[in-house]
């Protein structure tokens, strides 16, 4: 009886090259879709963060019976640098929350530099807007982005934030 020779298992170079080519083609198709997905997610995340913080500020104003101010870190109407929430009635003023600068690749503007929630939960924008309410527009930097990639966050007359798909009109 002769000893058995070990069997060699593995892939040929041709099989490996075919798999690599298939992965390359799939990657070429997936890259643009992934870029669009990431841009949409940045916009969505920014709108969720602001919505949560505006809801928090309104709740604190009602619960504390104090004026709570939400203001842009930049001091202007560009909110991409972040925002802060302050209890302006406390002495000294107390910072309740801070949102740091948002992900690059989005434009984030508002009608006002800040807004102040009163005890009733109603918001007063600074500077005052014609309608008395505030709209936040969050869009990808790519100006040709599709409507479903944009978000509009508005405060209703009672001060509650609502989010809609698409840019603010």
Protein backbone atom coordinates (compact mmCIF):
# COMPACT_ATOMS: atom_id res chain seq x y z
CA UNK A 1 0.00 0.00 0.00
CA UNK A 2 1.44 3.31 -1.03
CA UNK A 3 1.12 6.46 1.11
CA UNK A 4 -1.55 8.96 0.01
CA UNK A 5 -0.34 12.24 -1.34
CA UNK A 6 -1.93 15.33 0.28
CA UNK A 7 -4.59 16.99 -1.84
CA UNK A 8 -4.06 20.65 -2.54
CA UNK A 9 -7.10 22.84 -1.98
CA UNK A 10 -7.43 26.47 -2.95
CA UNK A 11 -8.32 28.86 -5.72
CA UNK A 12 -6.57 29.43 -8.99
CA UNK A 13 -5.34 32.89 -9.88
CA UNK A 14 -8.03 33.08 -12.55
CA UNK A 15 -10.81 32.46 -10.01
CA UNK A 16 -9.40 35.11 -7.67
CA UNK A 17 -9.18 37.67 -10.51
CA UNK A 18 -12.79 37.02 -11.58
CA UNK A 19 -14.01 37.60 -8.01
CA UNK A 20 -11.98 40.84 -7.74
CA UNK A 21 -13.39 42.13 -11.03
CA UNK A 22 -16.95 41.38 -9.90
CA UNK A 23 -16.34 43.21 -6.59
CA UNK A 24 -14.89 46.18 -8.48
CA UNK A 25 -17.94 46.46 -10.74
CA UNK A 26 -20.32 46.23 -7.77
CA UNK A 27 -18.30 48.87 -5.91
CA UNK A 28 -18.46 51.23 -8.91
CA UNK A 29 -22.26 51.02 -8.89
CA UNK A 30 -22.56 51.36 -5.10
CA UNK A 31 -20.30 54.41 -4.62
CA UNK A 32 -22.69 57.09 -5.99
CA UNK A 33 -25.62 55.64 -4.06
CA UNK A 34 -23.54 55.60 -0.87
CA UNK A 35 -22.52 59.25 -1.35
CA UNK A 36 -26.16 60.27 -1.74
CA UNK A 37 -27.14 58.20 1.30
CA UNK A 38 -24.47 59.87 3.46
CA UNK A 39 -25.54 63.38 2.38
CA UNK A 40 -29.19 62.60 3.13
CA UNK A 41 -28.27 61.17 6.52
CA UNK A 42 -26.30 64.31 7.49
CA UNK A 43 -29.32 66.49 6.72
CA UNK A 44 -31.72 64.14 8.52
CA UNK A 45 -29.46 63.95 11.58
CA UNK A 46 -29.17 67.74 11.81
CA UNK A 47 -32.96 68.16 11.61
CA UNK A 48 -33.51 65.50 14.31
CA UNK A 49 -30.94 67.13 16.61
CA UNK A 50 -32.51 70.58 16.26
CA UNK A 51 -36.04 69.22 16.63
CA UNK A 52 -35.06 67.46 19.86
CA UNK A 53 -33.33 70.54 21.26
CA UNK A 54 -36.22 72.86 20.40
CA UNK A 55 -38.64 70.45 22.07
CA UNK A 56 -36.33 70.33 25.11
CA UNK A 57 -36.09 74.15 25.27
CA UNK A 58 -39.86 74.55 25.02
CA UNK A 59 -40.40 71.96 27.74
CA UNK A 60 -37.87 73.64 30.03
CA UNK A 61 -39.51 77.04 29.53
CA UNK A 62 -42.89 75.64 30.52
CA UNK A 63 -41.57 73.52 33.42
CA UNK A 64 -39.29 76.20 34.91
CA UNK A 65 -41.53 79.16 34.12
CA UNK A 66 -38.43 80.89 32.74
CA UNK A 67 -37.40 82.35 29.41
CA UNK A 68 -35.27 79.81 27.53
CA UNK A 69 -33.26 81.04 24.56
CA UNK A 70 -31.95 78.93 21.69
CA UNK A 71 -29.31 80.78 19.71
CA UNK A 72 -26.88 80.18 16.90
CA UNK A 73 -23.24 79.86 17.98
CA UNK A 74 -22.20 81.93 14.95
CA UNK A 75 -24.42 84.81 16.11
CA UNK A 76 -26.06 84.97 12.68
CA UNK A 77 -28.63 83.01 10.74
CA UNK A 78 -26.14 80.26 9.80
CA UNK A 79 -26.74 77.47 12.32
CA UNK A 80 -24.22 74.95 10.91
CA UNK A 81 -21.71 76.05 13.59
CA UNK A 82 -24.07 74.74 16.25
CA UNK A 83 -26.40 76.26 18.82
CA UNK A 84 -26.77 76.79 22.55
CA UNK A 85 -29.74 76.68 24.91
CA UNK A 86 -29.72 79.20 27.77
CA UNK A 87 -31.95 79.86 30.79
CA UNK A 88 -32.01 83.65 30.56
CA UNK A 89 -34.09 84.18 33.71
CA UNK A 90 -31.62 82.52 36.07
CA UNK A 91 -29.01 84.76 37.63
CA UNK A 92 -26.40 84.30 36.32
CA UNK A 93 -27.65 82.91 33.01
CA UNK A 94 -27.27 79.13 32.79
CA UNK A 95 -26.30 77.20 29.68
CA UNK A 96 -28.52 74.12 29.56
CA UNK A 97 -27.22 72.47 26.38
CA UNK A 98 -24.84 73.01 23.52
CA UNK A 99 -24.77 71.44 20.05
CA UNK A 100 -21.34 71.52 18.47
CA UNK A 101 -20.69 72.24 14.80
CA UNK A 102 -22.52 69.90 12.47
CA UNK A 103 -21.05 67.59 9.84
CA UNK A 104 -19.53 69.27 6.83
CA UNK A 105 -21.42 69.05 3.58
CA UNK A 106 -24.67 70.74 4.60
CA UNK A 107 -26.09 74.26 4.56
CA UNK A 108 -28.18 75.13 7.61
CA UNK A 109 -29.88 78.52 7.72
CA UNK A 110 -32.79 80.05 9.62
CA UNK A 111 -34.99 83.14 9.54
CA UNK A 112 -33.62 84.26 12.91
CA UNK A 113 -30.39 84.34 14.93
CA UNK A 114 -32.13 83.13 18.07
CA UNK A 115 -35.52 82.42 19.54
CA UNK A 116 -36.80 82.72 23.06
CA UNK A 117 -39.44 80.46 24.56
CA UNK A 118 -41.66 82.12 27.15
CA UNK A 119 -43.51 80.44 30.01
CA UNK A 120 -46.40 79.56 27.71
CA UNK A 121 -44.10 77.66 25.35
CA UNK A 122 -44.52 80.17 22.54
CA UNK A 123 -41.38 81.23 20.73
CA UNK A 124 -40.32 84.75 19.86
CA UNK A 125 -37.65 85.01 17.12
CA UNK A 126 -34.81 87.55 17.10
CA UNK A 127 -34.89 89.49 14.88
CA UNK A 128 -38.67 89.37 14.58
CA UNK A 129 -39.95 87.75 11.40
CA UNK A 130 -42.95 88.90 9.39
CA UNK A 131 -44.95 85.81 10.34
CA UNK A 132 -43.69 85.63 13.93
CA UNK A 133 -42.47 82.09 13.36
CA UNK A 134 -39.08 80.65 12.45
CA UNK A 135 -38.11 78.30 9.61
CA UNK A 136 -34.88 76.32 9.45
CA UNK A 137 -33.69 75.08 6.05
CA UNK A 138 -31.24 72.17 6.03
CA UNK A 139 -29.91 71.07 2.64
CA UNK A 140 -26.82 69.33 1.24
CA UNK A 141 -24.14 71.69 -0.10
CA UNK A 142 -24.78 70.24 -3.55
CA UNK A 143 -27.42 72.70 -4.76
CA UNK A 144 -28.81 70.21 -7.28
CA UNK A 145 -29.79 67.78 -4.51
CA UNK A 146 -33.18 66.11 -4.85
CA UNK A 147 -36.13 67.38 -2.82
CA UNK A 148 -36.20 64.28 -0.60
CA UNK A 149 -32.65 65.09 0.56
CA UNK A 150 -33.72 68.47 2.02
CA UNK A 151 -35.48 69.25 5.31
CA UNK A 152 -37.53 72.20 6.53
CA UNK A 153 -38.08 72.60 10.27
CA UNK A 154 -40.72 75.15 11.29
CA UNK A 155 -42.15 76.29 14.57
CA UNK A 156 -45.93 76.36 14.64
CA UNK A 157 -47.66 79.28 16.42
CA UNK A 158 -47.61 77.38 19.73
CA UNK A 159 -43.81 76.95 19.50
CA UNK A 160 -43.79 73.25 18.63
CA UNK A 161 -41.24 72.23 15.97
CA UNK A 162 -42.38 70.25 12.93
CA UNK A 163 -40.20 68.79 10.22
CA UNK A 164 -41.10 68.40 6.55
CA UNK A 165 -39.27 66.93 3.59
CA UNK A 166 -38.11 69.58 1.12
CA UNK A 167 -36.69 73.07 1.43
CA UNK A 168 -38.70 75.81 3.15
CA UNK A 169 -40.68 77.94 0.71
